[in-house]
Protein backbone atom coordinates (compact mmCIF):
# COMPACT_ATOMS: atom_id res chain seq x y z
CA UNK A 1 0.00 0.00 0.00
CA UNK A 2 1.44 3.34 -1.03
CA UNK A 3 1.30 6.51 1.05
CA UNK A 4 -0.32 8.49 -1.76
CA UNK A 5 -3.15 5.93 -1.93
CA UNK A 6 -3.66 6.17 1.82
CA UNK A 7 -3.74 9.98 1.78
CA UNK A 8 -6.76 10.00 -0.56
CA UNK A 9 -8.87 7.98 1.90
CA UNK A 10 -11.17 9.33 4.59
CA UNK A 11 -10.69 8.73 8.31
CA UNK A 12 -13.40 6.04 8.26
CA UNK A 13 -11.73 4.22 5.39
CA UNK A 14 -8.39 4.42 7.19
CA UNK A 15 -9.96 2.95 10.33
CA UNK A 16 -11.44 0.09 8.30
CA UNK A 17 -8.11 -0.61 6.59
CA UNK A 18 -6.31 -0.50 9.91
CA UNK A 19 -8.72 -3.00 11.45
CA UNK A 20 -8.31 -5.35 8.48
CA UNK A 21 -4.51 -5.14 8.68
CA UNK A 22 -4.48 -5.79 12.41
CA UNK A 23 -6.66 -8.86 11.86
CA UNK A 24 -4.29 -10.06 9.14
CA UNK A 25 -1.32 -9.44 11.41
CA UNK A 26 -2.96 -11.53 14.13
CA UNK A 27 -3.57 -14.38 11.67
CA UNK A 28 0.01 -14.18 10.40
CA UNK A 29 1.33 -14.45 13.96
CA UNK A 30 -0.73 -17.59 14.48
CA UNK A 31 0.49 -19.07 11.21
CA UNK A 32 4.10 -18.36 12.18
CA UNK A 33 3.63 -19.97 15.59
CA UNK A 34 2.13 -23.12 14.10
CA UNK A 35 4.68 -23.32 11.29
CA UNK A 36 2.15 -22.73 8.51
CA UNK A 37 3.43 -19.33 7.37
CA UNK A 38 4.65 -19.46 3.77
CA UNK A 39 5.20 -15.78 2.92
CA UNK A 40 7.34 -14.54 5.78
CA UNK A 41 7.90 -11.16 4.13
CA UNK A 42 4.17 -10.43 4.43
CA UNK A 43 4.61 -9.93 8.20
CA UNK A 44 6.97 -7.02 7.57
CA UNK A 45 4.70 -5.56 4.87
CA UNK A 46 1.65 -5.62 7.13
CA UNK A 47 3.56 -4.07 10.02
CA UNK A 48 4.79 -1.22 7.83
CA UNK A 49 1.34 -0.66 6.30
CA UNK A 50 -0.13 -0.36 9.80
CA UNK A 51 2.51 2.22 10.72
CA UNK A 52 1.92 4.11 7.48
CA UNK A 53 -1.84 4.29 8.09
CA UNK A 54 -1.39 5.40 11.70
CA UNK A 55 1.06 8.12 10.67
CA UNK A 56 -1.18 9.54 7.97
CA UNK A 57 -4.25 9.35 10.23
CA UNK A 58 -2.36 11.31 12.87
CA UNK A 59 -1.30 13.91 10.28
CA UNK A 60 -4.89 14.32 9.14
CA UNK A 61 -6.11 14.67 12.72
CA UNK A 62 -3.46 17.31 13.46
CA UNK A 63 -4.35 19.24 10.31
CA UNK A 64 -8.01 19.14 11.23
CA UNK A 65 -7.36 20.57 14.72
CA UNK A 66 -5.38 23.52 13.63
C-alpha atoms as a PDB file:
ATOM      1  CA  UNK A   1       0.000   0.000   0.000  1.00  0.00           C
ATOM      2  CA  UNK A   2       1.444   3.341  -1.026  1.00  0.00           C
ATOM      3  CA  UNK A   3       1.297   6.506   1.049  1.00  0.00           C
ATOM      4  CA  UNK A   4      -0.318   8.491  -1.761  1.00  0.00           C
ATOM      5  CA  UNK A   5      -3.148   5.932  -1.933  1.00  0.00           C
ATOM      6  CA  UNK A   6      -3.659   6.170   1.816  1.00  0.00           C
ATOM      7  CA  UNK A   7      -3.740   9.983   1.780  1.00  0.00           C
ATOM      8  CA  UNK A   8      -6.757   9.995  -0.557  1.00  0.00           C
ATOM      9  CA  UNK A   9      -8.867   7.976   1.898  1.00  0.00           C
ATOM     10  CA  UNK A  10     -11.171   9.329   4.591  1.00  0.00           C
ATOM     11  CA  UNK A  11     -10.687   8.731   8.308  1.00  0.00           C
ATOM     12  CA  UNK A  12     -13.403   6.041   8.264  1.00  0.00           C
ATOM     13  CA  UNK A  13     -11.735   4.221   5.390  1.00  0.00           C
ATOM     14  CA  UNK A  14      -8.394   4.417   7.195  1.00  0.00           C
ATOM     15  CA  UNK A  15      -9.957   2.947  10.326  1.00  0.00           C
ATOM     16  CA  UNK A  16     -11.436   0.087   8.299  1.00  0.00           C
ATOM     17  CA  UNK A  17      -8.109  -0.612   6.586  1.00  0.00           C
ATOM     18  CA  UNK A  18      -6.308  -0.499   9.913  1.00  0.00           C
ATOM     19  CA  UNK A  19      -8.725  -2.997  11.454  1.00  0.00           C
ATOM     20  CA  UNK A  20      -8.308  -5.346   8.484  1.00  0.00           C
ATOM     21  CA  UNK A  21      -4.513  -5.138   8.676  1.00  0.00           C
ATOM     22  CA  UNK A  22      -4.484  -5.787  12.406  1.00  0.00           C
ATOM     23  CA  UNK A  23      -6.662  -8.857  11.856  1.00  0.00           C
ATOM     24  CA  UNK A  24      -4.290 -10.059   9.139  1.00  0.00           C
ATOM     25  CA  UNK A  25      -1.319  -9.442  11.414  1.00  0.00           C
ATOM     26  CA  UNK A  26      -2.962 -11.526  14.132  1.00  0.00           C
ATOM     27  CA  UNK A  27      -3.565 -14.375  11.668  1.00  0.00           C
ATOM     28  CA  UNK A  28       0.007 -14.183  10.403  1.00  0.00           C
ATOM     29  CA  UNK A  29       1.331 -14.448  13.961  1.00  0.00           C
ATOM     30  CA  UNK A  30      -0.727 -17.590  14.476  1.00  0.00           C
ATOM     31  CA  UNK A  31       0.494 -19.070  11.209  1.00  0.00           C
ATOM     32  CA  UNK A  32       4.096 -18.358  12.181  1.00  0.00           C
ATOM     33  CA  UNK A  33       3.628 -19.967  15.591  1.00  0.00           C
ATOM     34  CA  UNK A  34       2.128 -23.116  14.100  1.00  0.00           C
ATOM     35  CA  UNK A  35       4.677 -23.319  11.294  1.00  0.00           C
ATOM     36  CA  UNK A  36       2.147 -22.730   8.505  1.00  0.00           C
ATOM     37  CA  UNK A  37       3.431 -19.334   7.365  1.00  0.00           C
ATOM     38  CA  UNK A  38       4.652 -19.462   3.768  1.00  0.00           C
ATOM     39  CA  UNK A  39       5.204 -15.781   2.923  1.00  0.00           C
ATOM     40  CA  UNK A  40       7.342 -14.544   5.781  1.00  0.00           C
ATOM     41  CA  UNK A  41       7.895 -11.165   4.126  1.00  0.00           C
ATOM     42  CA  UNK A  42       4.175 -10.434   4.435  1.00  0.00           C
ATOM     43  CA  UNK A  43       4.607  -9.930   8.199  1.00  0.00           C
ATOM     44  CA  UNK A  44       6.966  -7.022   7.568  1.00  0.00           C
ATOM     45  CA  UNK A  45       4.702  -5.556   4.870  1.00  0.00           C
ATOM     46  CA  UNK A  46       1.654  -5.618   7.132  1.00  0.00           C
ATOM     47  CA  UNK A  47       3.560  -4.073  10.024  1.00  0.00           C
ATOM     48  CA  UNK A  48       4.786  -1.221   7.833  1.00  0.00           C
ATOM     49  CA  UNK A  49       1.343  -0.655   6.302  1.00  0.00           C
ATOM     50  CA  UNK A  50      -0.129  -0.355   9.804  1.00  0.00           C
ATOM     51  CA  UNK A  51       2.505   2.218  10.723  1.00  0.00           C
ATOM     52  CA  UNK A  52       1.916   4.107   7.476  1.00  0.00           C
ATOM     53  CA  UNK A  53      -1.840   4.288   8.092  1.00  0.00           C
ATOM     54  CA  UNK A  54      -1.387   5.397  11.704  1.00  0.00           C
ATOM     55  CA  UNK A  55       1.060   8.123  10.668  1.00  0.00           C
ATOM     56  CA  UNK A  56      -1.180   9.540   7.966  1.00  0.00           C
ATOM     57  CA  UNK A  57      -4.249   9.353  10.226  1.00  0.00           C
ATOM     58  CA  UNK A  58      -2.365  11.314  12.868  1.00  0.00           C
ATOM     59  CA  UNK A  59      -1.299  13.908  10.282  1.00  0.00           C
ATOM     60  CA  UNK A  60      -4.894  14.322   9.140  1.00  0.00           C
ATOM     61  CA  UNK A  61      -6.114  14.671  12.720  1.00  0.00           C
ATOM     62  CA  UNK A  62      -3.463  17.311  13.463  1.00  0.00           C
ATOM     63  CA  UNK A  63      -4.351  19.244  10.306  1.00  0.00           C
ATOM     64  CA  UNK A  64      -8.014  19.140  11.231  1.00  0.00           C
ATOM     65  CA  UNK A  65      -7.355  20.571  14.716  1.00  0.00           C
ATOM     66  CA  UNK A  66      -5.383  23.515  13.626  1.00  0.00           C
END
